[in-house]
Each structure stands twice: as structure tokens, then as C-alpha cells.
């Protein structure tokens, strides 16, 4: 693994998809940028997915990440909401794949446990820990803060993940 790595974290959602870029240099993490790609809810689902695709493609082109991590879908009681989240997640997986990057996926509970120390932490706790771990960050939305948390989780788990993948080959 390279010593310095640029990581893109993505928190998918049909209305708002958060993204966050960090750099890992050894054990040091640095904030690069974060934001939210939004879709227009007056458009069809297909057009909204295109908006997410275009927005994430722009982020990929501008920041050129080395690795990407996406939050796994959690199944909620509303099947329609889960399906819409799955559509957005598909775009979040596709955009980096089209650039030739592998995508790591992390469960929400693991992200919370890694960043906050509690797998059932709330969004406010995640936002507070992002400010501690990345003091120069300034996420304007919870989605952007969550995306930074996903990137941090990948930074913490990527070594073990790479070792596990090598052992399986």
C-alpha cells in the first residue's frame, strides 16, 4: 500500500448524496474537501440518478481519489425508501468503478463504531467527532459529515481489508 492515499467516502441518498475526501499519510488523516450532490425531486427517478452520476463524476474528476468507500444499504421499514436508497447506492458504486477503482463497502454500525466508538451513535455525535478527527473540515450537511466518517472508516480498516483480500487469492 502506498504511504499517502486519497480516499473518497460516499454516503448515498436519492435526495442528497454526501461525499468527503481525506488524505491518509501513514496514521495521519487530513481533510481535503466535502459536499453534497443533490437531485431535483420534481424530476423522474432516472433523471435524478443521472444528476447524482454527473455530480459524483465531477467530484471524481476534480479530486482524483485513489480509493473509494461507500456505506452499505440498511433495510428500513419503508420498502420504497430502501429501494430508492439502493438506486442511489448503485450510482455511488458505478461512478468509481467506471474510473477503474475498487469500492470498499462498510456497514453504518461499523462506521459509527470506528468514528465515535459506539455502533449506535447519532448524527450529532458523528458530526462532533468529525470536527475532532479532521479539525479543518467544515461539512455543511449531515450527509457530508457522514461521508467523511465513511472515508475515515476506510482509512482505519483498509490495511486489514487488503490483507484479507490477498489471503483469499
Protein backbone atom coordinates (compact mmCIF):
# COMPACT_ATOMS: atom_id res chain seq x y z
CA UNK A 1 0.00 0.00 0.00
CA UNK A 2 1.19 3.50 -0.76
CA UNK A 3 2.08 5.66 2.23
CA UNK A 4 -0.10 8.60 1.10
CA UNK A 5 -3.56 7.78 -0.16
CA UNK A 6 -6.53 9.98 -1.18
CA UNK A 7 -9.84 8.47 -0.08
CA UNK A 8 -13.35 9.39 -1.22
CA UNK A 9 -16.17 8.48 1.15
CA UNK A 10 -19.72 8.44 -0.22
CA UNK A 11 -22.97 8.48 1.77
CA UNK A 12 -25.59 7.64 -0.87
CA UNK A 13 -29.10 9.02 -0.93
CA UNK A 14 -31.53 9.85 -3.74
CA UNK A 15 -32.21 13.38 -2.46
CA UNK A 16 -28.72 14.07 -1.13
CA UNK A 17 -25.53 12.08 -1.63
CA UNK A 18 -22.76 13.20 0.68
CA UNK A 19 -19.12 13.00 -0.33
CA UNK A 20 -15.90 13.60 1.56
CA UNK A 21 -12.24 13.48 0.57
CA UNK A 22 -9.43 12.85 3.03
CA UNK A 23 -5.75 12.06 2.68
CA UNK A 24 -4.16 9.36 4.80
CA UNK A 25 -0.40 9.72 5.25
CA UNK A 26 0.69 6.85 7.46
CA UNK A 27 -1.53 7.24 10.51
CA UNK A 28 -2.23 10.95 9.90
CA UNK A 29 -5.55 11.97 8.35
CA UNK A 30 -6.07 15.32 6.60
CA UNK A 31 -9.25 16.94 5.34
CA UNK A 32 -9.35 17.86 1.64
CA UNK A 33 -12.97 18.66 0.76
CA UNK A 34 -16.57 17.60 1.27
CA UNK A 35 -20.01 18.40 -0.03
CA UNK A 36 -23.35 17.12 -1.16
CA UNK A 37 -24.68 16.18 -4.59
CA UNK A 38 -28.42 16.85 -4.71
CA UNK A 39 -31.10 15.76 -7.12
CA UNK A 40 -34.23 17.63 -8.12
CA UNK A 41 -37.25 15.81 -6.66
CA UNK A 42 -39.50 17.17 -9.43
CA UNK A 43 -37.67 15.01 -11.98
CA UNK A 44 -38.11 11.33 -12.75
CA UNK A 45 -36.05 8.79 -10.84
CA UNK A 46 -33.89 8.16 -13.91
CA UNK A 47 -33.14 11.87 -14.31
CA UNK A 48 -32.35 12.19 -10.60
CA UNK A 49 -29.93 9.26 -10.83
CA UNK A 50 -28.26 10.98 -13.78
CA UNK A 51 -27.84 14.10 -11.64
CA UNK A 52 -26.16 12.01 -8.93
CA UNK A 53 -23.96 10.32 -11.55
CA UNK A 54 -22.90 13.65 -13.04
CA UNK A 55 -22.21 15.19 -9.63
CA UNK A 56 -20.13 12.26 -8.39
CA UNK A 57 -18.29 12.12 -11.72
CA UNK A 58 -17.38 15.77 -11.26
CA UNK A 59 -16.06 15.07 -7.74
CA UNK A 60 -14.03 12.12 -9.05
CA UNK A 61 -12.57 14.23 -11.85
CA UNK A 62 -11.71 17.16 -9.63
CA UNK A 63 -10.19 15.28 -6.66
CA UNK A 64 -8.85 12.08 -8.29
CA UNK A 65 -9.20 9.70 -5.32
CA UNK A 66 -7.04 6.60 -5.08
CA UNK A 67 -9.65 4.59 -3.18
CA UNK A 68 -13.39 4.87 -2.58
CA UNK A 69 -15.65 3.71 0.23
CA UNK A 70 -19.47 3.64 0.24
CA UNK A 71 -21.89 3.00 3.07
CA UNK A 72 -23.84 -0.25 2.74
CA UNK A 73 -27.61 -0.12 2.43
CA UNK A 74 -29.54 -0.71 5.59
CA UNK A 75 -33.01 -2.15 5.19
CA UNK A 76 -35.62 0.05 6.79
CA UNK A 77 -39.32 -0.47 7.34
CA UNK A 78 -40.26 1.56 4.27
CA UNK A 79 -39.58 -0.68 1.25
CA UNK A 80 -39.92 2.24 -1.21
CA UNK A 81 -37.32 4.29 0.68
CA UNK A 82 -34.96 1.30 0.79
CA UNK A 83 -35.36 0.78 -2.96
CA UNK A 84 -34.64 4.46 -3.70
CA UNK A 85 -31.57 4.30 -1.49
CA UNK A 86 -30.49 1.19 -3.41
CA UNK A 87 -30.76 3.08 -6.71
CA UNK A 88 -28.60 5.92 -5.38
CA UNK A 89 -26.14 3.42 -3.95
CA UNK A 90 -25.87 1.75 -7.35
CA UNK A 91 -24.77 5.08 -8.84
CA UNK A 92 -22.30 5.58 -5.96
CA UNK A 93 -20.76 2.17 -6.76
CA UNK A 94 -20.84 2.65 -10.52
CA UNK A 95 -19.09 6.03 -10.82
CA UNK A 96 -15.79 4.93 -9.22
CA UNK A 97 -15.99 1.54 -10.99
CA UNK A 98 -16.17 3.36 -14.34
CA UNK A 99 -12.88 5.03 -13.37
CA UNK A 100 -11.31 1.64 -12.64
CA UNK A 101 -11.37 1.97 -8.86
CA UNK A 102 -12.41 -0.78 -6.49
CA UNK A 103 -15.02 0.26 -3.94
CA UNK A 104 -14.97 -0.80 -0.29
CA UNK A 105 -18.32 -1.05 1.46
CA UNK A 106 -18.95 -0.52 5.17
CA UNK A 107 -22.00 -1.07 7.36
CA UNK A 108 -23.40 2.01 9.10
CA UNK A 109 -22.79 0.46 12.52
CA UNK A 110 -19.10 -0.12 11.72
CA UNK A 111 -18.74 3.49 10.55
CA UNK A 112 -20.29 4.75 13.79
CA UNK A 113 -18.20 2.39 15.93
CA UNK A 114 -14.99 3.39 14.14
CA UNK A 115 -15.56 7.14 14.33
CA UNK A 116 -17.47 7.54 17.60
CA UNK A 117 -16.75 4.28 19.44
CA UNK A 118 -20.44 3.39 19.55
CA UNK A 119 -22.20 1.48 16.77
CA UNK A 120 -25.47 3.22 17.61
CA UNK A 121 -24.20 6.81 17.68
CA UNK A 122 -26.44 9.55 16.33
CA UNK A 123 -25.66 12.08 13.58
CA UNK A 124 -24.80 14.81 16.09
CA UNK A 125 -22.13 12.60 17.70
CA UNK A 126 -20.68 11.78 14.28
CA UNK A 127 -20.52 15.48 13.40
CA UNK A 128 -18.73 16.29 16.67
CA UNK A 129 -16.15 13.53 16.15
CA UNK A 130 -15.51 14.64 12.56
CA UNK A 131 -14.51 18.06 13.95
CA UNK A 132 -12.15 16.34 16.41
CA UNK A 133 -10.58 13.95 13.88
CA UNK A 134 -10.49 16.45 10.99
CA UNK A 135 -10.29 19.90 12.65
CA UNK A 136 -10.04 21.77 9.33
CA UNK A 137 -13.22 20.17 7.98
CA UNK A 138 -16.41 22.15 7.64
CA UNK A 139 -19.21 19.85 6.48
CA UNK A 140 -22.32 21.91 5.72
CA UNK A 141 -24.68 18.91 5.83
CA UNK A 142 -25.03 15.72 7.85
CA UNK A 143 -24.59 13.80 4.58
CA UNK A 144 -21.15 15.37 4.02
CA UNK A 145 -20.15 14.62 7.63
CA UNK A 146 -21.31 11.02 7.20
CA UNK A 147 -19.27 10.73 4.00
CA UNK A 148 -16.16 11.92 5.85
CA UNK A 149 -16.90 9.30 8.54
CA UNK A 150 -17.05 6.63 5.82
CA UNK A 151 -13.69 7.80 4.44
CA UNK A 152 -12.17 7.70 7.95
CA UNK A 153 -13.54 4.19 8.45
CA UNK A 154 -11.88 3.09 5.22
CA UNK A 155 -8.60 4.67 6.31
CA UNK A 156 -8.75 2.70 9.57
CA UNK A 157 -9.75 -0.64 8.01
CA UNK A 158 -8.03 -0.62 4.60
CA UNK A 159 -4.89 -2.44 5.76
CA UNK A 160 -6.81 -5.36 7.23
CA UNK A 161 -9.10 -5.41 4.19
CA UNK A 162 -6.14 -5.59 1.77
CA UNK A 163 -4.55 -8.40 3.79
CA UNK A 164 -7.83 -10.36 3.83
CA UNK A 165 -8.20 -9.96 0.05
CA UNK A 166 -4.62 -11.16 -0.56
CA UNK A 167 -5.24 -14.22 1.62
CA UNK A 168 -8.36 -15.10 -0.39
CA UNK A 169 -6.47 -15.06 -3.71
